[in-house]
Amino acid sequence: MVEGQIQWILSYMQGGSADIWKENVLEDLEVGKVEYELAGEFLTQIKKEFGGGDEELMKVIELKRIKQGSRTMKEFVQDFKRVARGSSYKR
């Protein structure tokens, strides 16, 4: 499951050193070498590698994966609003 999420995230990476880094990660995935248990860990690694990347893109990715889980609706809505700020999504 995390492999598919990583591949989806990588599909947005392009250009320069990102292409080389992306190819290395894809090669690791092909041989079953996955260093990440969660997509969030992978996003953290991207931030370390590329200095935070496009903040708007990171917010959009986080919005697409956010789930209510065991939180109350009020807690979930507050978290959603926090993530939505800066994502370029409009009401």
Protein backbone atom coordinates (compact mmCIF):
# COMPACT_ATOMS: atom_id res chain seq x y z
CA MET A 1 0.00 0.00 0.00
CA VAL A 2 2.70 2.50 0.95
CA GLU A 3 4.52 1.63 -2.27
CA GLY A 4 1.57 2.86 -4.34
CA GLN A 5 1.38 6.06 -2.32
CA ILE A 6 5.10 6.67 -2.81
CA GLN A 7 4.78 6.11 -6.55
CA TRP A 8 1.87 8.58 -6.67
CA ILE A 9 3.91 11.20 -4.81
CA LEU A 10 6.88 10.58 -7.11
CA SER A 11 4.67 11.18 -10.14
CA TYR A 12 4.64 14.88 -9.16
CA MET A 13 8.42 15.15 -8.92
CA GLN A 14 10.20 16.33 -12.03
CA GLY A 15 13.23 18.21 -13.16
CA GLY A 16 16.88 18.40 -12.24
CA SER A 17 18.14 16.48 -9.25
CA ALA A 18 14.56 15.45 -8.39
CA ASP A 19 14.52 13.20 -11.48
CA ILE A 20 17.70 11.42 -10.41
CA TRP A 21 16.47 11.02 -6.82
CA LYS A 22 13.09 9.80 -8.09
CA GLU A 23 14.72 7.15 -10.29
CA ASN A 24 16.76 5.86 -7.35
CA VAL A 25 13.64 5.53 -5.20
CA LEU A 26 11.74 3.80 -8.02
CA GLU A 27 14.59 1.30 -8.46
CA ASP A 28 14.47 0.54 -4.72
CA LEU A 29 10.70 0.01 -4.94
CA GLU A 30 11.12 -2.40 -7.86
CA VAL A 31 13.40 -4.67 -5.83
CA GLY A 32 11.18 -4.48 -2.78
CA LYS A 33 13.44 -2.21 -0.77
CA VAL A 34 10.97 0.12 0.95
CA GLU A 35 12.44 2.25 3.71
CA TYR A 36 9.15 3.86 4.71
CA GLU A 37 6.21 2.41 6.59
CA LEU A 38 4.01 5.47 5.99
CA ALA A 39 3.71 7.96 3.15
CA GLY A 40 4.21 10.73 5.73
CA GLU A 41 7.71 9.42 6.44
CA PHE A 42 8.44 9.60 2.74
CA LEU A 43 7.18 13.20 2.57
CA THR A 44 9.47 14.07 5.48
CA GLN A 45 12.40 12.60 3.55
CA ILE A 46 11.49 14.70 0.51
CA LYS A 47 11.51 17.81 2.67
CA LYS A 48 14.96 16.90 3.99
CA GLU A 49 16.30 16.21 0.50
CA PHE A 50 14.87 19.25 -1.24
CA GLY A 51 14.47 21.88 1.47
CA GLY A 52 10.72 21.61 1.92
CA GLY A 53 9.75 21.56 -1.73
CA ASP A 54 6.63 23.27 -2.95
CA GLU A 55 4.64 23.99 0.22
CA GLU A 56 1.39 24.22 -1.73
CA LEU A 57 1.92 20.77 -3.26
CA MET A 58 2.75 19.30 0.15
CA LYS A 59 -0.51 20.72 1.54
CA VAL A 60 -2.51 19.25 -1.36
CA ILE A 61 -0.92 15.83 -0.81
CA GLU A 62 -1.69 15.99 2.90
CA LEU A 63 -5.30 17.02 2.17
CA LYS A 64 -5.76 14.02 -0.09
CA ARG A 65 -4.63 11.59 2.60
CA ILE A 66 -6.27 13.11 5.70
CA LYS A 67 -8.82 10.86 7.43
CA GLN A 68 -11.09 11.39 10.40
CA GLY A 69 -10.18 8.13 12.07
CA SER A 70 -11.23 8.04 15.72
CA ARG A 71 -11.27 11.83 16.11
CA THR A 72 -14.46 13.75 16.66
CA MET A 73 -15.85 15.66 13.70
CA LYS A 74 -14.91 18.93 15.41
CA GLU A 75 -11.28 17.78 15.77
CA PHE A 76 -11.20 16.53 12.19
CA VAL A 77 -12.62 19.79 10.78
CA GLN A 78 -10.05 21.85 12.68
CA ASP A 79 -7.22 19.67 11.36
CA PHE A 80 -8.66 19.87 7.84
CA LYS A 81 -8.79 23.66 8.04
CA ARG A 82 -5.18 23.75 9.27
CA VAL A 83 -4.02 21.63 6.34
CA ALA A 84 -6.20 23.49 3.81
CA ARG A 85 -4.58 26.84 4.61
CA GLY A 86 -1.95 27.45 1.98
CA SER A 87 -3.12 24.65 -0.32
CA SER A 88 -4.70 26.97 -2.92
CA TYR A 89 -8.05 25.20 -2.60
CA LYS A 90 -10.97 27.60 -2.52
CA ARG A 91 -14.28 27.14 -0.72
